[in-house]
Amino acid sequence: KNITTMSSLPHALEIDPESSLQFTITRDPATDGSDGSSRCTMTLRHPGHTKGYLAFKVKTTQPRRYLVRPNQGIVAPNSSETVSILLVDKDRQVLYSTYERLGQSALDHSKDKF
C-alpha cells in the first residue's frame, strides 16, 4: 500500500507549526510588558520540489474573532511567507474570563478552528 503525505506532494507548502497555534492571553497586557495583542504566527514554506509558485489562502471558522494577515498570497520556490493571526481584543477578554471561570478544559473544547 502506498501512502502519500502532504510533504511528499510536489505542490504542497510546509506549514510550521504543523497542527496547532497557541495564543498567550493575559489578564492585563498593559502591566505584563506586552503590546496588548494576542497574536501568533505560522510560516508557510515552499520546499522547492517544483519551480512553480504556490498560492495559499488561510481561513478561520471565526473570522470576526481572528484577523489573519496576509490571508492569501503566493510563495516563490525555496522561500517562505509568515502569516500573523491576531485575536481581537474583545474576544481575548472573553476567553480570559472563561478560563478564569471554567478552567483549561473549557478552552480545550473550544470550536475555534482554522
Protein backbone atom coordinates (compact mmCIF):
# COMPACT_ATOMS: atom_id res chain seq x y z
CA LYS A 1 0.00 0.00 0.00
CA ASN A 2 1.41 3.39 -1.00
CA ILE A 3 0.71 6.22 1.47
CA THR A 4 1.08 9.81 0.28
CA THR A 5 1.74 12.55 2.80
CA MET A 6 1.39 16.28 2.22
CA SER A 7 5.15 16.77 2.41
CA SER A 8 5.70 14.31 -0.44
CA LEU A 9 3.38 16.20 -2.80
CA PRO A 10 5.30 18.48 -5.16
CA HIS A 11 2.64 21.20 -4.91
CA ALA A 12 2.39 21.38 -1.11
CA LEU A 13 3.58 24.08 1.27
CA GLU A 14 5.28 23.10 4.51
CA ILE A 15 3.48 24.63 7.48
CA ASP A 16 5.10 25.44 10.82
CA PRO A 17 3.67 24.80 13.33
CA GLU A 18 2.04 21.76 11.71
CA SER A 19 -1.05 21.13 13.80
CA SER A 20 -1.96 23.91 16.24
CA LEU A 21 -1.45 27.57 17.05
CA GLN A 22 -1.14 28.86 20.60
CA PHE A 23 -2.05 32.30 21.87
CA THR A 24 -0.81 33.78 25.13
CA ILE A 25 -3.66 35.50 26.89
CA THR A 26 -3.02 37.67 29.94
CA ARG A 27 -5.36 39.49 32.31
CA ASP A 28 -3.85 42.93 31.80
CA PRO A 29 -1.49 43.29 28.83
CA ALA A 30 -0.56 46.83 29.93
CA THR A 31 1.12 45.54 33.09
CA ASP A 32 2.83 42.44 31.70
CA GLY A 33 5.05 44.26 29.23
CA SER A 34 3.33 43.02 26.06
CA ASP A 35 1.87 45.18 23.31
CA GLY A 36 -1.66 44.18 24.31
CA SER A 37 -2.30 41.97 21.34
CA SER A 38 -2.74 38.24 21.44
CA ARG A 39 -1.10 37.02 18.27
CA CYS A 40 0.74 34.08 16.92
CA THR A 41 2.44 33.35 13.64
CA MET A 42 2.80 30.47 11.26
CA THR A 43 5.29 30.04 8.46
CA LEU A 44 4.40 28.69 5.03
CA ARG A 45 7.48 27.42 3.22
CA HIS A 46 7.82 26.40 -0.41
CA PRO A 47 10.25 23.45 -0.28
CA GLY A 48 11.33 23.89 -3.90
CA HIS A 49 10.16 20.48 -5.19
CA THR A 50 8.75 22.37 -8.14
CA LYS A 51 9.79 25.56 -9.90
CA GLY A 52 6.23 26.89 -9.87
CA TYR A 53 4.89 29.41 -7.40
CA LEU A 54 2.37 28.10 -4.83
CA ALA A 55 -0.75 30.02 -3.77
CA PHE A 56 -2.27 29.87 -0.29
CA LYS A 57 -5.41 31.05 1.47
CA VAL A 58 -5.93 30.87 5.24
CA LYS A 59 -9.50 30.67 6.51
CA THR A 60 -10.93 30.52 10.02
CA THR A 61 -14.30 29.41 11.37
CA GLN A 62 -14.38 32.65 13.42
CA PRO A 63 -13.43 35.49 11.02
CA ARG A 64 -14.63 38.21 13.42
CA ARG A 65 -12.58 36.79 16.27
CA TYR A 66 -9.32 36.17 14.41
CA LEU A 67 -7.67 38.51 11.92
CA VAL A 68 -5.34 36.74 9.51
CA ARG A 69 -2.70 38.82 7.71
CA PRO A 70 -1.94 38.15 4.93
CA ASN A 71 -4.89 35.80 4.47
CA GLN A 72 -3.81 34.82 0.97
CA GLY A 73 -0.76 35.09 -1.20
CA ILE A 74 1.84 33.41 -3.36
CA VAL A 75 5.07 31.76 -2.19
CA ALA A 76 8.05 31.53 -4.54
CA PRO A 77 10.18 28.37 -4.74
CA ASN A 78 12.61 27.99 -1.80
CA SER A 79 11.09 30.92 0.07
CA SER A 80 8.57 31.39 2.85
CA GLU A 81 5.75 33.64 4.00
CA THR A 82 4.95 34.44 7.62
CA VAL A 83 1.26 34.71 8.43
CA SER A 84 0.09 36.50 11.61
CA ILE A 85 -3.11 35.55 13.38
CA LEU A 86 -4.43 38.20 15.76
CA LEU A 87 -7.07 37.52 18.41
CA VAL A 88 -9.40 40.53 18.59
CA ASP A 89 -9.08 42.29 21.97
CA LYS A 90 -12.75 41.95 22.92
CA ASP A 91 -12.62 38.20 22.38
CA ARG A 92 -9.29 37.94 24.20
CA GLN A 93 -11.03 39.32 27.27
CA VAL A 94 -13.96 36.89 26.86
CA LEU A 95 -11.60 33.91 26.56
CA TYR A 96 -9.65 35.00 29.62
CA SER A 97 -12.79 35.35 31.75
CA THR A 98 -13.98 31.92 30.51
CA TYR A 99 -10.64 30.45 31.54
CA GLU A 100 -10.89 32.05 34.99
CA ARG A 101 -14.43 30.69 35.49
CA LEU A 102 -14.21 27.22 33.93
CA GLY A 103 -10.53 26.36 33.66
CA GLN A 104 -8.39 24.99 30.83
CA SER A 105 -10.85 22.26 29.78
CA ALA A 106 -13.33 24.90 28.59
CA LEU A 107 -10.73 26.32 26.21
CA ASP A 108 -9.56 22.87 25.10
CA HIS A 109 -13.07 22.11 23.85
CA SER A 110 -13.46 25.40 22.01
CA LYS A 111 -14.87 25.26 18.49
CA ASP A 112 -12.34 27.77 17.18
CA LYS A 113 -10.51 26.04 14.35
CA PHE A 114 -8.66 27.21 11.28
